Protein backbone atom coordinates (compact mmCIF):
# COMPACT_ATOMS: atom_id res chain seq x y z
CA MET A 1 94.84 94.25 127.43
CA ARG A 2 93.85 97.88 127.83
CA GLN A 3 97.06 99.59 126.81
CA ILE A 4 99.40 98.88 123.93
CA ILE A 5 102.85 97.85 125.15
CA MET A 6 105.23 100.45 123.74
CA ASN A 7 108.72 98.99 123.56
CA PRO A 8 109.36 98.18 119.90
CA VAL A 9 113.18 98.39 120.18
CA PHE A 10 113.24 95.66 122.83
CA LEU A 11 110.86 93.53 120.78
CA LYS A 12 112.97 93.91 117.67
CA LYS A 13 116.13 92.88 119.56
CA LYS A 14 114.26 89.86 120.90
CA THR A 15 113.29 88.87 117.35
CA MET A 16 116.91 89.23 116.18
CA LEU A 17 118.11 87.03 119.05
CA THR A 18 115.56 84.36 118.17
CA ALA A 19 116.70 84.46 114.55
CA ALA A 20 120.35 84.11 115.61
CA VAL A 21 119.56 81.01 117.67
CA ALA A 22 117.68 79.58 114.69
CA LEU A 23 120.71 80.13 112.45
CA LEU A 24 122.96 78.20 114.81
CA PHE A 25 120.46 75.35 114.87
CA PHE A 26 120.01 75.23 111.10
CA ASP A 27 123.77 75.20 110.44
CA SER A 28 123.88 71.82 112.16
CA ILE A 29 121.38 70.12 109.80
CA SER A 30 121.20 69.50 106.07
CA GLY A 31 119.25 71.62 103.63
CA GLN A 32 119.07 72.93 100.09
CA THR A 33 121.23 75.91 99.19
CA PHE A 34 120.04 78.58 96.76
CA SER A 35 122.41 81.24 95.41
CA ASP A 36 122.81 83.86 92.68
CA PHE A 37 119.16 84.80 92.27
CA PHE A 38 118.40 86.87 89.19
CA TYR A 39 115.24 88.70 88.09
CA ARG A 40 114.74 90.90 85.03
CA GLY A 41 111.60 92.62 83.76
CA ASN A 42 111.17 93.55 80.13
CA ASP A 43 107.67 94.93 79.59
CA LYS A 44 106.95 96.70 76.31
CA ILE A 45 105.03 99.45 78.06
CA TYR A 46 108.36 100.67 79.44
CA THR A 47 110.50 100.08 76.35
CA ASN A 48 107.88 101.95 74.31
CA ASN A 49 107.66 104.78 76.85
CA PRO A 50 111.21 105.70 77.90
CA LEU A 51 111.52 108.31 80.62
CA LYS A 52 112.56 111.87 79.97
CA GLU A 53 114.58 113.73 82.59
CA ASP A 54 111.46 115.28 84.12
CA GLU A 55 109.35 112.08 84.30
CA PHE A 56 108.74 109.04 86.48
CA TYR A 57 106.66 105.88 86.20
CA SER A 58 103.42 105.01 87.93
CA PRO A 59 102.84 102.47 89.46
CA ILE A 60 105.49 103.44 91.97
CA LEU A 61 105.32 99.94 93.52
CA GLN A 62 104.94 97.16 90.95
CA GLY A 63 103.56 93.75 91.83
CA CYS A 64 101.35 92.80 94.74
CA TYR A 65 101.35 96.03 96.77
CA PRO A 66 97.61 96.78 97.04
CA ASP A 67 95.47 99.01 99.26
CA PRO A 68 98.05 101.77 99.80
CA SER A 69 97.78 104.21 102.67
CA ILE A 70 100.06 107.21 103.17
CA THR A 71 100.95 109.75 105.85
CA ARG A 72 103.57 112.45 106.42
CA LYS A 73 105.64 113.74 109.30
CA GLY A 74 107.65 116.80 108.37
CA ASP A 75 109.47 116.01 105.13
CA ASP A 76 109.08 112.23 105.47
CA TYR A 77 106.28 110.28 103.83
CA TYR A 78 105.38 106.74 104.88
CA LEU A 79 103.33 104.27 102.84
CA VAL A 80 101.94 100.83 103.75
CA ASN A 81 100.17 98.04 101.83
CA SER A 82 98.01 95.00 102.44
CA SER A 83 99.93 91.76 102.88
CA PHE A 84 97.24 89.12 103.53
CA SER A 85 98.99 85.93 104.76
CA MET A 86 102.49 86.97 103.74
CA PHE A 87 105.00 87.10 106.58
CA PRO A 88 106.23 89.55 107.76
CA GLY A 89 103.15 91.67 107.19
CA VAL A 90 102.39 95.22 106.03
CA PRO A 91 105.44 96.38 104.07
CA ILE A 92 106.34 99.97 104.88
CA PHE A 93 108.12 102.42 102.58
CA THR A 94 109.45 105.91 103.10
CA SER A 95 110.15 108.81 100.75
CA LYS A 96 111.00 112.50 100.86
CA ASP A 97 109.60 113.34 97.42
CA LEU A 98 106.79 110.84 96.62
CA VAL A 99 108.84 109.53 93.66
CA ASN A 100 111.78 107.66 95.19
CA TRP A 101 110.84 105.08 97.82
CA LYS A 102 112.84 102.90 100.21
CA GLN A 103 111.45 99.98 102.14
CA VAL A 104 112.29 100.33 105.83
CA GLY A 105 110.80 97.02 106.93
CA HIS A 106 107.41 95.60 107.84
CA VAL A 107 104.98 96.80 110.49
CA LEU A 108 103.99 93.30 111.63
CA ASP A 109 107.28 91.42 111.87
CA ARG A 110 106.67 89.08 114.83
CA PRO A 111 104.43 86.04 115.38
CA SER A 112 102.89 87.82 118.37
CA GLN A 113 101.52 90.47 115.98
CA LEU A 114 100.61 88.33 112.99
CA LYS A 115 98.80 85.03 113.50
CA VAL A 116 98.15 83.66 110.02
CA GLU A 117 99.46 80.08 110.38
CA LYS A 118 96.24 78.51 109.10
CA SER A 119 95.02 81.32 106.85
CA GLY A 120 94.33 81.09 103.14
CA VAL A 121 96.58 83.24 100.99
CA SER A 122 93.90 85.95 100.65
CA GLN A 123 93.07 86.10 104.34
CA GLY A 124 95.28 87.75 106.95
CA ILE A 125 95.90 91.49 106.70
CA TYR A 126 93.39 93.68 104.84
CA ALA A 127 93.68 97.37 103.96
CA PRO A 128 96.10 98.87 106.51
CA ASP A 129 95.80 102.58 107.29
CA ILE A 130 98.80 104.58 108.53
CA LYS A 131 98.44 107.99 110.17
CA TYR A 132 100.72 110.33 112.09
CA ASN A 133 99.26 112.06 115.14
CA LYS A 134 101.07 115.35 115.69
CA HIS A 135 99.44 115.78 119.12
CA ASN A 136 101.42 112.90 120.65
CA ASP A 137 104.13 112.47 117.99
CA THR A 138 103.02 108.89 117.32
CA PHE A 139 102.34 106.82 114.22
CA TYR A 140 99.34 104.50 114.17
CA MET A 141 98.72 101.56 111.83
CA ILE A 142 95.17 100.26 111.98
CA THR A 143 93.95 97.28 109.96
CA THR A 144 91.79 94.16 109.88
CA GLN A 145 93.48 90.81 110.54
CA ILE A 146 91.23 88.11 109.09
CA ALA A 147 92.83 85.39 111.19
CA SER A 148 92.91 83.88 114.67
CA GLY A 149 89.87 85.84 115.84
CA ILE A 150 91.80 89.12 115.94
CA GLY A 151 89.69 91.21 113.58
CA ASN A 152 90.21 94.97 113.72
CA MET A 153 93.44 96.01 115.45
CA VAL A 154 95.94 98.80 115.93
CA VAL A 155 99.68 99.09 116.57
CA LYS A 156 101.76 102.23 117.04
CA THR A 157 105.30 103.57 117.25
CA LYS A 158 107.37 106.74 117.57
CA ASP A 159 109.60 105.66 114.66
CA PRO A 160 108.18 103.51 111.83
CA ALA A 161 111.64 102.16 110.97
CA LYS A 162 112.42 100.90 114.47
CA GLY A 163 109.60 98.50 115.23
CA TRP A 164 105.96 98.63 116.24
CA SER A 165 104.02 97.80 119.39
CA GLU A 166 102.10 94.66 120.18
CA VAL A 167 98.58 94.36 118.81
CA GLN A 168 95.61 96.02 120.45
CA LYS A 169 92.37 94.33 119.43
CA LEU A 170 89.58 96.81 118.72
CA ASN A 171 85.98 96.24 119.77
CA PHE A 172 84.04 96.55 116.52
CA ASP A 173 83.20 94.42 113.49
CA GLY A 174 83.57 95.15 109.78
CA ILE A 175 86.74 95.82 107.78
CA ASP A 176 88.92 98.64 106.40
CA PRO A 177 89.27 100.82 109.51
CA SER A 178 90.96 104.20 109.23
CA ILE A 179 91.90 106.60 112.02
CA PHE A 180 91.56 110.40 111.94
CA PHE A 181 93.07 112.96 114.31
CA ASP A 182 91.21 116.27 114.46
CA ASP A 183 92.74 119.69 115.12
CA ASP A 184 91.42 119.64 118.67
CA GLY A 185 93.26 116.41 119.47
CA LYS A 186 90.20 114.17 119.31
CA ALA A 187 90.36 110.94 117.33
CA TYR A 188 87.81 108.99 115.32
CA ILE A 189 87.68 105.70 113.44
CA VAL A 190 85.72 105.12 110.23
CA HIS A 191 85.25 101.69 108.66
CA ASN A 192 83.17 99.49 106.38
CA ASP A 193 80.46 97.39 108.01
CA ALA A 194 77.29 95.48 107.22
CA PRO A 195 74.02 97.40 107.42
CA PRO A 196 71.97 96.83 110.58
CA LYS A 197 70.39 93.40 110.75
CA GLY A 198 67.26 93.20 108.63
CA THR A 199 68.01 96.34 106.59
CA GLU A 200 70.26 94.92 103.86
CA GLN A 201 68.64 95.83 100.54
CA TYR A 202 70.84 94.00 98.00
CA ASN A 203 74.02 91.94 97.67
CA GLY A 204 76.99 94.25 98.24
CA HIS A 205 75.01 96.74 100.34
CA ARG A 206 77.44 98.09 102.97
CA VAL A 207 77.69 101.12 105.23
CA ILE A 208 80.43 103.38 106.56
CA LYS A 209 80.41 103.62 110.34
CA MET A 210 82.21 106.02 112.70
CA TRP A 211 83.38 105.69 116.32
CA ASP A 212 84.95 108.03 118.84
CA TYR A 213 88.45 106.77 119.72
CA ASP A 214 89.92 106.96 123.23
CA LEU A 215 93.63 107.76 122.80
CA GLU A 216 94.44 106.91 126.41
CA LYS A 217 92.91 103.43 126.26
CA ASP A 218 93.55 102.86 122.54
CA GLN A 219 89.99 101.66 122.12
CA VAL A 220 86.75 102.83 120.53
CA VAL A 221 84.27 104.39 122.90
CA ALA A 222 81.44 101.94 123.49
CA GLY A 223 78.10 103.17 122.17
CA SER A 224 79.60 105.99 120.10
CA ASP A 225 79.14 104.25 116.75
CA LYS A 226 77.11 105.95 114.05
CA ILE A 227 76.38 105.15 110.40
CA ILE A 228 77.56 108.10 108.31
CA VAL A 229 77.08 106.65 104.80
CA ASN A 230 74.43 104.09 103.82
CA GLY A 231 75.16 102.14 100.65
CA GLY A 232 77.23 104.77 98.88
CA VAL A 233 76.76 107.94 96.84
CA ASP A 234 73.21 107.10 95.74
CA LEU A 235 71.44 104.25 97.53
CA SER A 236 68.72 104.15 94.85
CA GLN A 237 71.33 103.01 92.35
CA LYS A 238 72.29 100.08 94.61
CA PRO A 239 76.01 100.90 94.82
CA ILE A 240 78.15 98.00 96.04
CA TRP A 241 81.01 97.77 98.49
CA ILE A 242 81.43 101.24 99.88
CA GLU A 243 84.74 100.65 101.70
CA GLY A 244 88.27 101.86 102.33
CA PRO A 245 87.12 105.11 104.01
CA HIS A 246 89.51 107.94 104.93
CA LEU A 247 88.60 111.18 106.69
CA TYR A 248 90.32 114.53 105.99
CA LYS A 249 89.86 118.13 107.07
CA LYS A 250 90.37 121.20 104.90
CA ASN A 251 89.24 124.80 105.41
CA GLY A 252 87.09 123.80 108.39
CA LYS A 253 85.18 121.14 106.40
CA TYR A 254 85.38 117.37 106.80
CA PHE A 255 85.80 115.17 103.74
CA LEU A 256 85.12 111.44 103.66
CA MET A 257 86.72 109.60 100.75
CA CYS A 258 85.76 105.98 100.01
CA ALA A 259 86.13 103.28 97.40
CA GLU A 260 82.91 102.20 95.70
CA GLY A 261 82.05 99.48 93.20
CA GLY A 262 84.23 96.65 94.47
CA THR A 263 87.80 95.75 93.52
CA GLY A 264 87.21 95.03 89.85
CA GLY A 265 86.17 96.69 86.64
CA ASN A 266 83.62 98.94 88.37
CA HIS A 267 86.03 100.22 91.05
CA SER A 268 86.05 103.95 91.80
CA GLU A 269 86.79 106.57 94.42
CA VAL A 270 84.08 108.89 95.73
CA ILE A 271 84.01 111.87 98.09
CA PHE A 272 81.56 113.33 100.64
CA MET A 273 81.64 116.56 102.70
CA SER A 274 80.29 117.62 106.10
CA ASP A 275 80.52 120.43 108.62
CA SER A 276 81.11 117.86 111.38
CA PRO A 277 83.28 114.73 111.63
CA LYS A 278 80.09 112.84 112.44
CA GLY A 279 78.14 114.07 109.43
CA PRO A 280 75.76 114.31 107.81
CA PHE A 281 78.00 113.69 104.80
CA VAL A 282 76.79 114.93 101.42
CA PRO A 283 78.26 113.36 98.27
CA ALA A 284 79.94 115.59 95.71
CA GLY A 285 77.98 116.19 92.55
CA ASN A 286 80.91 115.20 90.36
CA ASN A 287 81.53 111.72 91.82
CA PRO A 288 83.48 109.61 91.10
CA ILE A 289 86.73 111.53 91.47
CA LEU A 290 88.85 108.59 90.26
CA THR A 291 87.96 105.58 88.08
CA GLN A 292 88.96 103.75 84.89
CA ARG A 293 85.65 101.99 84.30
CA TYR A 294 84.26 104.08 81.43
CA PHE A 295 86.80 103.31 78.70
CA PRO A 296 87.17 100.74 75.87
CA LYS A 297 88.36 97.36 77.08
CA ASP A 298 90.97 97.15 74.32
CA ARG A 299 92.61 100.50 75.06
CA LYS A 300 96.39 100.81 74.79
CA ASP A 301 98.55 100.47 77.93
CA LYS A 302 95.46 99.53 79.89
CA VAL A 303 95.20 100.41 83.58
CA ASP A 304 92.04 99.23 85.32
CA TRP A 305 90.31 98.73 88.70
CA ALA A 306 91.54 102.11 90.00
CA GLY A 307 90.34 102.97 93.51
CA HIS A 308 90.96 102.39 97.23
CA ALA A 309 92.87 105.65 97.53
CA ASP A 310 94.45 107.79 100.24
CA LEU A 311 95.51 111.45 100.13
CA VAL A 312 98.51 113.27 101.51
CA GLU A 313 99.33 116.97 101.67
CA THR A 314 102.87 118.08 100.83
CA PRO A 315 104.71 120.67 102.97
CA ASP A 316 103.91 123.33 100.35
CA GLY A 317 100.18 122.62 100.37
CA LYS A 318 99.85 120.44 97.28
CA TYR A 319 98.03 117.10 97.35
CA TYR A 320 98.78 113.65 95.95
CA GLY A 321 96.77 110.47 96.04
CA VAL A 322 97.99 106.87 96.13
CA PHE A 323 95.63 104.13 95.01
CA LEU A 324 95.50 100.58 93.72
CA ALA A 325 95.02 99.60 90.10
CA ILE A 326 95.95 96.71 87.83
CA ARG A 327 97.70 96.35 84.50
CA PRO A 328 96.20 93.28 82.80
CA ASN A 329 98.40 91.24 80.47
CA VAL A 330 97.81 90.48 76.80
CA ASN A 331 95.03 88.03 77.69
CA ASN A 332 93.46 90.52 80.11
CA ARG A 333 94.65 88.49 83.11
CA VAL A 334 95.90 89.91 86.39
CA ASN A 335 99.08 87.99 87.20
CA SER A 336 101.07 90.73 88.91
CA GLY A 337 98.14 91.72 91.12
CA ARG A 338 96.96 95.09 92.35
CA GLU A 339 99.76 97.66 92.41
CA THR A 340 100.38 101.07 94.01
CA PHE A 341 99.85 104.04 91.68
CA ILE A 342 100.09 107.76 92.38
CA LEU A 343 98.55 110.89 90.84
CA PRO A 344 98.60 114.58 91.73
CA VAL A 345 95.30 115.78 93.15
CA ASP A 346 93.67 119.11 92.33
CA TRP A 347 92.02 120.50 95.46
CA SER A 348 91.69 124.09 94.29
CA GLY A 349 87.91 123.79 94.36
CA THR A 350 85.57 122.48 97.03
CA TYR A 351 86.33 118.81 96.39
CA PRO A 352 89.57 117.02 95.50
CA VAL A 353 89.85 115.46 92.03
CA PHE A 354 92.61 113.13 90.84
CA GLN A 355 94.37 114.83 87.93
CA ASN A 356 93.93 112.63 84.83
CA GLY A 357 92.21 110.07 87.04
CA LEU A 358 89.06 110.20 84.91
CA VAL A 359 90.77 109.56 81.56
CA PRO A 360 92.77 106.49 80.46
CA MET A 361 95.91 106.56 82.58
CA LYS A 362 99.37 106.99 81.14
CA PRO A 363 102.48 105.13 82.34
CA LYS A 364 104.46 108.32 82.99
CA LEU A 365 104.00 111.42 85.16
CA LYS A 366 105.85 114.71 85.45
CA LEU A 367 108.25 114.89 88.37
CA PRO A 368 107.34 117.28 91.18
CA GLU A 369 109.36 120.46 90.98
CA GLY A 370 112.93 120.03 92.17
CA VAL A 371 112.79 116.22 92.39
CA LYS A 372 115.34 113.90 90.77
CA ASN A 373 114.27 110.42 89.68
CA GLU A 374 116.81 108.02 91.21
CA LYS A 375 115.45 105.20 88.98
CA GLY A 376 115.86 102.55 91.62
CA GLN A 377 119.50 103.36 92.37
CA ASN A 378 121.06 104.24 95.76
CA GLY A 379 118.84 101.87 97.69
CA PHE A 380 115.55 103.10 96.27
CA PHE A 381 112.88 100.66 95.17
CA PRO A 382 113.00 100.05 91.39
CA ASN A 383 110.15 100.38 88.92
CA GLY A 384 109.82 100.30 85.15
CA ASN A 385 112.01 97.62 83.59
CA PHE A 386 114.79 96.68 85.96
CA THR A 387 117.19 93.91 86.91
CA TYR A 388 117.54 92.60 90.44
CA SER A 389 120.39 90.31 91.46
CA ASP A 390 120.94 88.78 94.90
CA LYS A 391 123.75 86.36 95.80
CA LEU A 392 121.62 85.37 98.83
CA THR A 393 124.67 85.50 101.10
CA ASP A 394 123.88 88.66 103.07
CA LYS A 395 122.91 87.79 106.64
CA ASN A 396 120.23 90.50 106.40
CA LEU A 397 118.09 89.36 103.51
CA ASP A 398 116.47 92.07 101.42
CA TYR A 399 113.02 93.09 102.67
CA ARG A 400 111.46 91.94 99.39
CA TRP A 401 112.04 88.30 100.43
CA ILE A 402 108.98 87.13 102.35
CA ALA A 403 107.50 83.88 103.64
CA MET A 404 103.96 82.55 103.79
CA ARG A 405 102.09 82.19 107.13
CA GLY A 406 105.18 82.29 109.34
CA PRO A 407 108.66 83.81 109.78
CA ARG A 408 111.29 83.03 107.19
CA GLU A 409 113.78 82.69 110.06
CA ASN A 410 112.04 79.43 110.97
CA PHE A 411 113.44 77.67 107.90
CA ILE A 412 116.43 79.58 106.52
CA SER A 413 120.08 79.99 107.38
CA ILE A 414 122.60 82.14 105.53
CA SER A 415 126.11 81.05 104.62
CA LYS A 416 128.85 82.21 102.29
CA ASN A 417 127.43 79.82 99.70
CA GLY A 418 123.87 81.14 99.75
CA VAL A 419 120.63 80.71 101.63
CA LYS A 420 119.87 77.25 102.97
CA ILE A 421 116.18 76.39 103.05
CA ASN A 422 115.54 73.66 105.56
CA PRO A 423 112.37 71.85 104.46
CA PHE A 424 109.15 71.72 106.40
CA GLU A 425 107.01 68.60 106.42
CA THR A 426 104.42 70.52 104.42
CA ASN A 427 104.31 71.08 100.69
CA ILE A 428 103.32 74.13 98.71
CA ASN A 429 99.63 73.14 98.62
CA ALA A 430 99.28 73.07 102.40
CA LEU A 431 97.17 75.53 104.35
CA ALA A 432 100.10 75.99 106.71
CA PRO A 433 103.52 77.68 106.83
CA VAL A 434 105.62 76.52 103.88
CA SER A 435 109.42 76.53 103.55
CA ALA A 436 109.69 78.93 100.63
CA LEU A 437 111.21 82.38 100.19
CA PHE A 438 109.01 84.50 97.94
CA HIS A 439 109.60 87.48 95.65
CA ARG A 440 106.70 89.32 94.02
CA LEU A 441 106.16 88.99 90.27
CA GLN A 442 106.46 92.55 88.96
CA HIS A 443 106.29 92.26 85.16
CA GLU A 444 104.34 90.64 82.35
CA ASP A 445 107.53 89.69 80.49
CA PHE A 446 110.25 88.51 82.83
CA GLU A 447 113.13 86.15 83.37
CA THR A 448 114.17 84.76 86.74
CA SER A 449 116.75 82.15 87.68
CA VAL A 450 118.60 80.72 90.67
CA THR A 451 121.39 78.25 91.31
CA LEU A 452 120.44 75.21 93.39
CA ASP A 453 122.90 72.98 95.24
CA PHE A 454 120.83 69.93 96.12
CA LYS A 455 120.92 66.14 95.87
CA PRO A 456 117.72 64.69 97.29
CA LYS A 457 118.11 61.63 99.49
CA SER A 458 114.57 60.32 98.96
CA GLU A 459 111.45 60.84 96.88
CA LYS A 460 109.99 62.84 99.76
CA GLU A 461 112.56 65.60 99.22
CA LEU A 462 112.16 68.28 96.58
CA ALA A 463 113.65 71.71 96.05
CA GLY A 464 113.30 74.26 93.28
CA ILE A 465 111.15 77.16 92.12
CA THR A 466 107.43 77.67 92.64
CA CYS A 467 105.28 80.17 90.75
CA TYR A 468 102.59 80.70 93.35
CA GLN A 469 99.22 82.37 93.22
CA SER A 470 97.84 80.40 96.17
CA GLU A 471 97.84 77.04 97.89
CA ARG A 472 95.32 75.89 95.27
CA PHE A 473 96.86 77.47 92.14
CA ASN A 474 100.59 77.16 91.47
CA TYR A 475 103.45 75.62 89.51
CA VAL A 476 106.33 73.65 91.06
CA PHE A 477 109.58 73.22 89.12
CA GLY A 478 112.23 71.31 91.00
CA ILE A 479 114.49 68.36 91.65
CA THR A 480 113.49 65.16 93.41
CA LYS A 481 114.41 61.47 93.44
CA LYS A 482 112.86 58.20 92.23
CA ASP A 483 114.57 54.98 93.25
CA LYS A 484 118.27 55.77 92.79
CA ASP A 485 117.81 58.39 90.06
CA PHE A 486 117.44 62.17 90.17
CA TYR A 487 114.61 63.83 88.27
CA ILE A 488 113.60 67.34 87.37
CA VAL A 489 109.83 67.77 87.45
CA LEU A 490 107.17 70.33 86.54
CA GLU A 491 103.76 70.17 88.21
CA ARG A 492 100.67 72.34 87.77
CA THR A 493 98.09 72.70 90.55
CA GLU A 494 94.69 74.11 89.62
CA LYS A 495 91.74 74.26 92.01
CA GLY A 496 93.77 72.11 94.39
CA GLU A 497 94.20 69.32 91.83
CA SER A 498 97.84 68.63 90.91
CA LYS A 499 98.99 67.28 87.54
CA LEU A 500 102.50 66.32 86.42
CA ILE A 501 103.31 68.28 83.24
CA ALA A 502 106.73 66.77 82.56
CA SER A 503 109.66 65.02 84.19
CA GLU A 504 113.13 64.11 83.06
CA LYS A 505 115.92 62.02 84.57
CA ILE A 506 119.09 64.04 85.10
CA SER A 507 122.61 63.47 86.32
CA ILE A 508 123.67 65.84 89.08
CA SER A 509 127.40 66.31 89.44
CA LYS A 510 127.29 69.86 90.78
CA THR A 511 124.78 72.69 91.00
CA VAL A 512 121.74 73.09 88.76
CA ARG A 513 120.55 76.42 87.36
CA LEU A 514 116.76 76.77 87.29
CA GLN A 515 115.10 79.40 85.11
CA VAL A 516 111.55 80.64 84.48
CA VAL A 517 110.84 82.86 81.48
CA GLY A 518 107.49 84.61 81.22
CA GLU A 519 106.34 86.13 77.95
CA LYS A 520 102.87 87.58 77.56
CA ASP A 521 100.76 84.93 79.28
CA ASP A 522 103.04 81.92 78.81
CA LEU A 523 105.74 80.43 81.00
CA ASN A 524 108.80 78.38 80.08
CA PHE A 525 110.62 76.37 82.73
CA ASN A 526 114.25 75.71 81.81
CA TYR A 527 117.25 74.13 83.51
CA SER A 528 121.00 74.01 83.00
CA LEU A 529 123.45 71.44 84.31
CA ASP A 530 126.51 73.43 83.21
CA GLY A 531 125.31 76.96 84.06
CA LYS A 532 125.36 78.01 80.40
CA ASN A 533 123.14 75.88 78.20
CA PHE A 534 119.46 75.66 79.13
CA LYS A 535 116.97 72.96 78.26
CA ASN A 536 113.22 73.43 78.40
CA LEU A 537 110.99 71.09 80.41
CA GLY A 538 107.32 70.69 79.47
CA ASP A 539 107.22 73.21 76.57
CA SER A 540 105.37 76.50 77.10
CA VAL A 541 102.60 76.42 79.67
CA SER A 542 99.86 78.93 80.39
CA GLY A 543 100.23 81.45 83.19
CA ASP A 544 96.46 81.51 83.57
CA ILE A 545 96.43 79.92 87.04
CA LEU A 546 98.65 82.75 88.32
CA SER A 547 95.94 85.33 87.65
CA THR A 548 93.31 86.44 90.14
CA ASP A 549 90.57 86.26 87.51
CA VAL A 550 91.19 82.49 87.32
CA ALA A 551 92.41 81.74 90.85
CA GLY A 552 90.26 84.27 92.70
CA GLY A 553 91.48 86.06 95.78
CA PHE A 554 93.25 89.39 96.22
CA THR A 555 96.96 88.71 95.74
CA GLY A 556 99.38 88.89 92.85
CA SER A 557 101.56 85.93 92.00
CA LEU A 558 104.86 85.20 93.74
CA ILE A 559 108.09 83.50 92.69
CA GLY A 560 109.37 81.21 95.41
CA LEU A 561 112.59 79.40 96.29
CA TYR A 562 111.02 76.26 97.67
CA SER A 563 111.96 73.15 99.60
CA THR A 564 109.86 70.38 101.12
CA SER A 565 110.28 67.02 102.86
CA SER A 566 106.68 66.10 101.96
CA ASN A 567 107.00 65.94 98.20
CA ASP A 568 104.15 64.14 96.47
CA ILE A 569 105.21 64.71 92.85
CA LYS A 570 105.89 61.34 91.19
CA PRO A 571 108.19 61.47 88.13
CA ASP A 572 107.25 59.38 85.08
């Protein structure tokens, strides 16, 4: 395929038609109905730091929204994040003031664009980059799809809220591609890659490479590749994982901004300058321009791992930077994952510097002049401590509800009673699409609950809640059957090994209310048969397996409404 097919409206209508057919089919078969979902966050960092009228919270997107990239057309900003094997992929948000954000959908919302059916939870989509090209009034989203042999790819659209083109595979290796449109209309791609064969000097040695980009063919120009950064700021210091590059132009100079140090405690953002888009690029003397690595580990309101940033210029010439960072819990674990933060950027000198990005970060920022903080109201995405309720009866489910490795439309139908999840013959530990609707964990201290209408017909059927870090690390809390009796069960899976924590025989006369309460680093799984009085199952259990420092990978944990016809949990 040489050209990207540009008809996103048709493709979106086709997807809607497919979903409608699926709904008709699912209404004719049995399933498990979930309704009245509730989520509430109650983190002390927010109760101890209430907002004043001229303030807002950062992160602006809490939970697993890593690797942010941002662009602007006129007064409209657009922001995207990595999504790995979540489906649909690459959530996209819009804002007019950089404070209040609305999700307008996902960039990769069709199986033809996103082929992650057999991908581990931390494979799939890495580090998307979104850019607006004023020369052809077109938005581009370029990323690496670690699945199905796709690799680096690009899609585009005239309107980010109305669907994106089919995938164009790009002819180069490496990860983290970013596209840059110069004043003369020319385009370039920069990305992370391995050093030339035989020249790798140490583990983590990477390079930044550049290509000319043919806008007519939507492809890199063969033979145009050039290494523009080797290793990082100072190769003699053996810097690791120079990645996430973005190219900018200001006052006739070209600036290359990259992450360095790896996504972890040594993460940082560094900057280089050149007279030409192809270099040579000279690092700034005051690198890094953003990091949290120099401060005491026990600091208050700790933010860490800051880096992987992108810059945007406002209409009045100011600059802001979005970047990922984490907020570890009381046991220094990373359950909510890497989140999207924002800081103003001072570019009054030669190089940009993140304001207060080189001191311990604070949870609050001053509002830009003339901006009102909507605080998650009027359709804007919430942050801070908030409550989210969803009856799960709207035929257009909220964008925050996602699936894993395949479309949610393949296993759900919506009725006046709630969402029916029709079980797959895979369970939550499978490296395959699973029949679960997921919501990102967004707080350290939280409460979530849902009403379940379900009477299993066999021991192979189970429905309930999963707290999910990956296919190898998760909790399952649900209802199943043994002989003629119904049981509620709690299972913990660590390193792929599952262990029953507790089970209890119950009598089901009507719906059951399932509840998970997280406090600090502990979880309590509770249930109610009357909708009022809750009983705990299995005492408090550790949330350790929901953290990336235990489970590995790149994602934050998810809360799932889950159903399976391949249950292997055996009640005592």
